[in-house]
Amino acid sequence: MTKFLSAAYGVACYWVFLGTFLYAAGFVGNLLVPKSLTPVRWCRLPRRSS
Protein backbone atom coordinates (compact mmCIF):
# COMPACT_ATOMS: atom_id res chain seq x y z
CA MET A 1 0.00 0.00 0.00
CA THR A 2 2.83 2.40 0.84
CA LYS A 3 4.55 1.72 -2.51
CA PHE A 4 1.32 2.42 -4.36
CA LEU A 5 0.76 5.72 -2.53
CA SER A 6 4.37 6.75 -3.16
CA ALA A 7 4.04 5.99 -6.85
CA ALA A 8 0.69 7.78 -7.08
CA TYR A 9 2.17 10.83 -5.34
CA GLY A 10 5.12 10.82 -7.74
CA VAL A 11 2.84 10.63 -10.77
CA ALA A 12 0.64 13.42 -9.41
CA CYS A 13 3.67 15.64 -8.80
CA TYR A 14 4.90 14.91 -12.31
CA TRP A 15 1.58 15.97 -13.87
CA VAL A 16 1.40 19.12 -11.76
CA PHE A 17 4.94 20.06 -12.83
CA LEU A 18 4.18 19.31 -16.48
CA GLY A 19 1.03 21.43 -16.40
CA THR A 20 2.83 24.30 -14.70
CA PHE A 21 5.73 24.13 -17.14
CA LEU A 22 3.44 24.07 -20.18
CA TYR A 23 1.39 26.98 -18.82
CA ALA A 24 4.57 28.99 -18.22
CA ALA A 25 5.73 28.27 -21.78
CA GLY A 26 2.35 29.36 -23.11
CA PHE A 27 2.41 32.47 -20.94
CA VAL A 28 5.80 33.56 -22.27
CA GLY A 29 5.08 32.51 -25.85
CA ASN A 30 1.51 33.89 -25.90
CA LEU A 31 0.05 30.48 -26.82
CA LEU A 32 -3.33 29.09 -25.69
CA VAL A 33 -3.48 30.82 -22.31
CA PRO A 34 -5.99 33.46 -21.15
CA LYS A 35 -3.25 35.82 -19.93
CA SER A 36 0.09 36.37 -21.59
CA LEU A 37 3.31 38.25 -21.11
CA THR A 38 2.74 40.60 -24.04
CA PRO A 39 -0.50 42.56 -24.10
CA VAL A 40 -2.84 42.05 -27.03
CA ARG A 41 -3.73 45.70 -27.46
CA TRP A 42 -1.18 48.47 -27.28
CA CYS A 43 -2.42 51.76 -25.94
CA ARG A 44 -0.79 55.13 -26.13
CA LEU A 45 -0.13 57.13 -23.05
CA PRO A 46 -1.74 60.56 -23.06
CA ARG A 47 0.60 63.40 -23.89
CA ARG A 48 1.46 65.80 -21.17
CA SER A 49 0.22 69.29 -21.96
CA SER A 50 2.40 72.10 -20.76
C-alpha atoms as a PDB file:
ATOM      1  CA  MET A   1       0.000   0.000   0.000  1.00  0.00           C
ATOM      2  CA  THR A   2       2.834   2.399   0.835  1.00  0.00           C
ATOM      3  CA  LYS A   3       4.551   1.722  -2.507  1.00  0.00           C
ATOM      4  CA  PHE A   4       1.318   2.423  -4.356  1.00  0.00           C
ATOM      5  CA  LEU A   5       0.765   5.717  -2.528  1.00  0.00           C
ATOM      6  CA  SER A   6       4.372   6.754  -3.157  1.00  0.00           C
ATOM      7  CA  ALA A   7       4.036   5.988  -6.854  1.00  0.00           C
ATOM      8  CA  ALA A   8       0.690   7.781  -7.081  1.00  0.00           C
ATOM      9  CA  TYR A   9       2.171  10.828  -5.338  1.00  0.00           C
ATOM     10  CA  GLY A  10       5.123  10.818  -7.740  1.00  0.00           C
ATOM     11  CA  VAL A  11       2.840  10.630 -10.767  1.00  0.00           C
ATOM     12  CA  ALA A  12       0.637  13.423  -9.415  1.00  0.00           C
ATOM     13  CA  CYS A  13       3.675  15.636  -8.802  1.00  0.00           C
ATOM     14  CA  TYR A  14       4.904  14.912 -12.312  1.00  0.00           C
ATOM     15  CA  TRP A  15       1.579  15.965 -13.871  1.00  0.00           C
ATOM     16  CA  VAL A  16       1.401  19.121 -11.764  1.00  0.00           C
ATOM     17  CA  PHE A  17       4.941  20.055 -12.826  1.00  0.00           C
ATOM     18  CA  LEU A  18       4.183  19.311 -16.480  1.00  0.00           C
ATOM     19  CA  GLY A  19       1.027  21.430 -16.404  1.00  0.00           C
ATOM     20  CA  THR A  20       2.829  24.302 -14.696  1.00  0.00           C
ATOM     21  CA  PHE A  21       5.734  24.132 -17.144  1.00  0.00           C
ATOM     22  CA  LEU A  22       3.441  24.075 -20.184  1.00  0.00           C
ATOM     23  CA  TYR A  23       1.386  26.977 -18.820  1.00  0.00           C
ATOM     24  CA  ALA A  24       4.574  28.986 -18.222  1.00  0.00           C
ATOM     25  CA  ALA A  25       5.732  28.265 -21.782  1.00  0.00           C
ATOM     26  CA  GLY A  26       2.347  29.357 -23.114  1.00  0.00           C
ATOM     27  CA  PHE A  27       2.413  32.467 -20.944  1.00  0.00           C
ATOM     28  CA  VAL A  28       5.796  33.557 -22.269  1.00  0.00           C
ATOM     29  CA  GLY A  29       5.079  32.506 -25.851  1.00  0.00           C
ATOM     30  CA  ASN A  30       1.506  33.889 -25.898  1.00  0.00           C
ATOM     31  CA  LEU A  31       0.045  30.476 -26.820  1.00  0.00           C
ATOM     32  CA  LEU A  32      -3.334  29.086 -25.692  1.00  0.00           C
ATOM     33  CA  VAL A  33      -3.483  30.823 -22.305  1.00  0.00           C
ATOM     34  CA  PRO A  34      -5.989  33.461 -21.148  1.00  0.00           C
ATOM     35  CA  LYS A  35      -3.254  35.820 -19.926  1.00  0.00           C
ATOM     36  CA  SER A  36       0.092  36.369 -21.585  1.00  0.00           C
ATOM     37  CA  LEU A  37       3.311  38.249 -21.107  1.00  0.00           C
ATOM     38  CA  THR A  38       2.738  40.599 -24.036  1.00  0.00           C
ATOM     39  CA  PRO A  39      -0.504  42.561 -24.095  1.00  0.00           C
ATOM     40  CA  VAL A  40      -2.838  42.048 -27.032  1.00  0.00           C
ATOM     41  CA  ARG A  41      -3.733  45.703 -27.463  1.00  0.00           C
ATOM     42  CA  TRP A  42      -1.182  48.468 -27.276  1.00  0.00           C
ATOM     43  CA  CYS A  43      -2.422  51.761 -25.943  1.00  0.00           C
ATOM     44  CA  ARG A  44      -0.788  55.128 -26.126  1.00  0.00           C
ATOM     45  CA  LEU A  45      -0.128  57.133 -23.050  1.00  0.00           C
ATOM     46  CA  PRO A  46      -1.735  60.563 -23.058  1.00  0.00           C
ATOM     47  CA  ARG A  47       0.598  63.401 -23.890  1.00  0.00           C
ATOM     48  CA  ARG A  48       1.464  65.801 -21.171  1.00  0.00           C
ATOM     49  CA  SER A  49       0.217  69.285 -21.957  1.00  0.00           C
ATOM     50  CA  SER A  50       2.395  72.097 -20.763  1.00  0.00           C
END
